[in-house]
Amino acid sequence: MSGYDNWTPIARTVSRQFDGYFDGQGYVIDNLSSASGGLFGYAGTNATIANVGIGSGEIGSQTLSFIGAIVGWSDGADIINCWNGADITCSGWSGGIVGTVRDGGESIIRGCYNIGNVTARDGAVGGIVGHLAAGGHGTEVSVTVSDCYNLGNVTAKDNAAGIAGRIQDGNTVVRCYNAGRISVNGENILDGAGAIVSLPHKRQHGQRVLL
């Protein structure tokens, strides 16, 4: 991707979100440079993105949220066997693979890994996914993050984790591990840093984090 100084994500706007099947067949995209996001911007509930890696690059900026090397904003897309080695810079609500999941019912993030660094001006960031919501637009969100790992450094003012930064009711993290450095450097730290998850919400109502 060295021929593109500033990559424009596929499906950059929610009105044109990706809702199909993308199989990268194991190919790796090197030198992905973008100030606006990763490979995909928005992916819908019918989308599957699988078997693709971002080998290197610089993605995002300190003024942007909802950044992920594979997809920034998911409304229930399935993300399978994807990986990232690019460095991500953001305001927050971002992750090495997926930025945020906000809608779309049941979906999976499975078999993914991150070796790039994720650096946030604010917070809600993770090595795999920044934020898993409880629901939106009338649907509940139920994401299962499984068999994923992070080796990259994740840094924020607050709320940083190796797998999922902020996870709300109804979502599950299982069989994941982190070996990256997770650090928070804000003056008034409330949520802190976590190897797997930093800030779980409403754990008593069905959220599960299993090692």
Protein backbone atom coordinates (compact mmCIF):
# COMPACT_ATOMS: atom_id res chain seq x y z
CA MET A 1 0.00 0.00 0.00
CA SER A 2 3.01 2.30 -0.26
CA GLY A 3 1.40 3.93 -3.29
CA TYR A 4 -1.38 5.36 -1.09
CA ASP A 5 -0.24 8.16 1.19
CA ASN A 6 -3.64 8.35 2.90
CA TRP A 7 -5.89 5.32 2.45
CA THR A 8 -9.65 5.92 2.50
CA PRO A 9 -11.41 3.05 4.32
CA ILE A 10 -13.85 0.89 2.39
CA ALA A 11 -17.41 1.83 3.41
CA ARG A 12 -16.28 5.00 5.11
CA THR A 13 -19.79 6.20 6.04
CA VAL A 14 -22.61 4.45 7.90
CA SER A 15 -24.98 5.07 4.98
CA ARG A 16 -22.69 2.95 2.79
CA GLN A 17 -21.58 0.35 5.29
CA PHE A 18 -20.11 -2.93 4.08
CA ASP A 19 -22.66 -5.75 4.32
CA GLY A 20 -21.07 -8.51 2.27
CA TYR A 21 -18.43 -11.25 2.61
CA PHE A 22 -14.76 -10.38 2.37
CA ASP A 23 -12.24 -13.23 2.39
CA GLY A 24 -8.65 -12.03 2.29
CA GLN A 25 -7.44 -15.62 1.72
CA GLY A 26 -4.54 -15.09 4.09
CA TYR A 27 -3.05 -12.12 2.25
CA VAL A 28 -1.25 -9.37 4.17
CA ILE A 29 -1.50 -5.65 3.46
CA ASP A 30 1.72 -3.82 4.30
CA ASN A 31 2.34 -0.10 4.80
CA LEU A 32 -1.28 0.90 5.35
CA SER A 33 -1.14 4.63 6.01
CA SER A 34 -4.37 6.46 6.80
CA ALA A 35 -5.44 9.43 8.87
CA SER A 36 -9.10 8.35 8.72
CA GLY A 37 -9.21 4.64 9.55
CA GLY A 38 -8.25 1.08 8.74
CA LEU A 39 -9.28 -1.30 5.97
CA PHE A 40 -13.05 -0.90 6.53
CA GLY A 41 -14.89 2.02 8.08
CA TYR A 42 -18.39 0.65 8.79
CA ALA A 43 -19.57 -2.98 8.60
CA GLY A 44 -23.16 -4.13 9.00
CA THR A 45 -24.88 -7.10 10.60
CA ASN A 46 -24.68 -9.24 7.45
CA ALA A 47 -20.97 -8.65 6.94
CA THR A 48 -18.14 -11.13 7.44
CA ILE A 49 -14.51 -10.05 7.18
CA ALA A 50 -12.07 -12.93 7.34
CA ASN A 51 -8.51 -14.08 6.74
CA VAL A 52 -6.71 -10.80 6.19
CA GLY A 53 -3.82 -9.11 7.96
CA ILE A 54 -2.50 -5.58 8.16
CA GLY A 55 1.24 -6.12 8.33
CA SER A 56 2.45 -2.60 9.05
CA GLY A 57 1.52 1.05 8.83
CA GLU A 58 0.27 4.11 10.70
CA ILE A 59 -3.51 4.47 11.18
CA GLY A 60 -5.63 7.25 12.69
CA SER A 61 -4.99 10.50 14.52
CA GLN A 62 -5.41 11.88 18.03
CA THR A 63 -8.64 13.65 17.04
CA LEU A 64 -10.51 10.54 15.81
CA SER A 65 -12.43 7.83 17.65
CA PHE A 66 -13.80 4.47 16.42
CA ILE A 67 -10.61 3.31 14.74
CA GLY A 68 -9.67 -0.31 14.04
CA ALA A 69 -7.13 -1.74 11.62
CA ILE A 70 -9.76 -4.10 10.18
CA VAL A 71 -13.00 -2.19 10.86
CA GLY A 72 -13.72 0.96 12.81
CA TRP A 73 -17.45 0.61 13.57
CA SER A 74 -19.28 -2.72 13.50
CA ASP A 75 -23.04 -3.11 13.63
CA GLY A 76 -22.83 -6.86 14.15
CA ALA A 77 -20.25 -7.98 11.60
CA ASP A 78 -18.32 -11.23 12.11
CA ILE A 79 -14.54 -10.73 12.17
CA ILE A 80 -12.64 -13.99 11.80
CA ASN A 81 -8.92 -14.84 11.60
CA CYS A 82 -7.72 -11.28 11.09
CA TRP A 83 -4.58 -9.64 12.47
CA ASN A 84 -2.91 -6.28 12.77
CA GLY A 85 0.68 -5.07 12.94
CA ALA A 86 0.08 -1.37 12.24
CA ASP A 87 0.30 1.28 14.93
CA ILE A 88 -2.98 3.01 15.77
CA THR A 89 -3.35 6.53 17.15
CA CYS A 90 -6.78 7.75 18.29
CA SER A 91 -8.81 9.83 20.68
CA GLY A 92 -10.46 6.70 22.09
CA TRP A 93 -13.08 3.99 21.54
CA SER A 94 -10.68 2.09 19.30
CA GLY A 95 -8.85 -1.22 19.06
CA GLY A 96 -6.19 -3.07 17.14
CA ILE A 97 -8.76 -5.07 15.17
CA VAL A 98 -12.16 -3.39 15.76
CA GLY A 99 -12.95 0.04 17.11
CA THR A 100 -16.46 -0.42 18.49
CA VAL A 101 -19.44 -2.80 18.17
CA ARG A 102 -22.68 -0.86 18.62
CA ASP A 103 -25.58 -2.79 17.09
CA GLY A 104 -26.63 -5.89 15.18
CA GLY A 105 -27.46 -8.60 17.72
CA GLU A 106 -25.14 -11.62 17.89
CA SER A 107 -21.71 -11.47 16.30
CA ILE A 108 -18.21 -12.86 16.77
CA ILE A 109 -14.62 -11.67 16.82
CA ARG A 110 -12.70 -14.94 16.61
CA GLY A 111 -9.13 -16.04 16.03
CA CYS A 112 -7.73 -12.51 15.74
CA TYR A 113 -4.51 -11.04 17.07
CA ASN A 114 -2.79 -7.69 17.37
CA ILE A 115 0.93 -6.93 17.50
CA GLY A 116 0.69 -3.21 16.74
CA ASN A 117 0.67 -0.43 19.33
CA VAL A 118 -2.58 1.34 20.21
CA THR A 119 -2.20 4.83 21.66
CA ALA A 120 -5.17 6.96 22.76
CA ARG A 121 -5.36 10.60 23.76
CA ASP A 122 -8.27 9.72 26.08
CA GLY A 123 -9.48 6.14 26.65
CA ALA A 124 -11.69 3.11 25.97
CA VAL A 125 -9.10 1.21 23.94
CA GLY A 126 -8.08 -2.42 23.63
CA GLY A 127 -5.61 -4.56 21.77
CA ILE A 128 -8.46 -6.35 19.97
CA VAL A 129 -11.53 -4.13 20.39
CA GLY A 130 -12.06 -0.78 22.06
CA HIS A 131 -15.71 -1.00 23.06
CA LEU A 132 -18.52 -3.58 23.11
CA ALA A 133 -21.88 -1.85 23.61
CA ALA A 134 -25.01 -3.23 25.25
CA GLY A 135 -27.23 -2.31 22.30
CA GLY A 136 -28.54 0.37 20.02
CA HIS A 137 -31.30 1.18 17.54
CA GLY A 138 -33.64 -1.27 19.27
CA THR A 139 -31.37 -4.35 19.21
CA GLU A 140 -29.26 -5.92 21.91
CA VAL A 141 -25.59 -6.50 21.25
CA SER A 142 -24.12 -9.91 22.04
CA VAL A 143 -20.52 -10.22 20.90
CA THR A 144 -18.34 -13.23 21.64
CA VAL A 145 -14.64 -12.45 21.48
CA SER A 146 -12.79 -15.76 21.45
CA ASP A 147 -9.37 -17.26 20.77
CA CYS A 148 -7.75 -13.84 20.37
CA TYR A 149 -4.50 -12.41 21.73
CA ASN A 150 -2.60 -9.17 21.96
CA LEU A 151 1.16 -8.57 21.98
CA GLY A 152 1.10 -4.83 21.28
CA ASN A 153 1.43 -1.97 23.74
CA VAL A 154 -1.87 -0.26 24.63
CA THR A 155 -1.66 3.21 26.17
CA ALA A 156 -4.33 5.72 27.21
CA LYS A 157 -5.12 8.34 29.83
CA ASP A 158 -7.59 5.84 31.32
CA ASN A 159 -9.52 2.65 30.43
CA ALA A 160 -7.04 0.52 28.45
CA ALA A 161 -6.89 -3.27 28.14
CA GLY A 162 -5.16 -6.04 26.26
CA ILE A 163 -8.33 -7.46 24.72
CA ALA A 164 -11.38 -5.18 25.24
CA GLY A 165 -11.22 -1.72 26.75
CA ARG A 166 -14.85 -1.14 27.69
CA ILE A 167 -17.32 -4.04 27.68
CA GLN A 168 -21.00 -3.67 28.48
CA ASP A 169 -23.78 -6.07 29.40
CA GLY A 170 -24.40 -9.16 27.25
CA ASN A 171 -20.93 -9.64 25.76
CA THR A 172 -18.42 -12.43 26.31
CA VAL A 173 -14.62 -12.70 26.20
CA VAL A 174 -13.32 -16.27 26.27
CA ARG A 175 -9.99 -18.07 25.65
CA CYS A 176 -8.06 -14.85 25.08
CA TYR A 177 -4.71 -13.71 26.42
CA ASN A 178 -2.53 -10.64 26.53
CA ALA A 179 1.26 -10.35 26.64
CA GLY A 180 1.50 -6.67 25.69
CA ARG A 181 2.21 -3.75 27.98
CA ILE A 182 -1.00 -2.02 29.09
CA SER A 183 -0.62 1.41 30.70
CA VAL A 184 -2.68 4.44 31.68
CA ASN A 185 -1.09 7.82 32.28
CA GLY A 186 -3.89 10.24 33.16
CA GLU A 187 -4.00 12.42 36.25
CA ASN A 188 -7.41 11.26 37.50
CA ILE A 189 -7.56 7.54 36.75
CA LEU A 190 -10.95 5.94 37.42
CA ASP A 191 -11.08 2.77 35.30
CA GLY A 192 -7.42 1.84 35.04
CA ALA A 193 -5.68 -0.79 32.93
CA GLY A 194 -6.52 -4.48 32.55
CA ALA A 195 -4.71 -7.39 30.94
CA ILE A 196 -7.97 -8.67 29.39
CA VAL A 197 -10.70 -6.09 30.12
CA SER A 198 -10.43 -2.68 31.77
CA LEU A 199 -14.01 -1.55 32.46
CA PRO A 200 -16.82 -4.14 32.57
CA HIS A 201 -20.36 -2.77 33.04
CA LYS A 202 -23.27 -4.61 34.71
CA ARG A 203 -21.36 -7.84 35.11
CA GLN A 204 -24.19 -9.32 37.17
CA HIS A 205 -26.56 -9.20 34.20
CA GLY A 206 -24.92 -11.69 31.89
CA GLN A 207 -21.52 -10.40 30.92
CA ARG A 208 -18.78 -13.02 30.97
CA VAL A 209 -15.02 -12.76 30.90
CA LEU A 210 -13.49 -16.24 30.87
CA LEU A 211 -9.81 -17.14 30.51
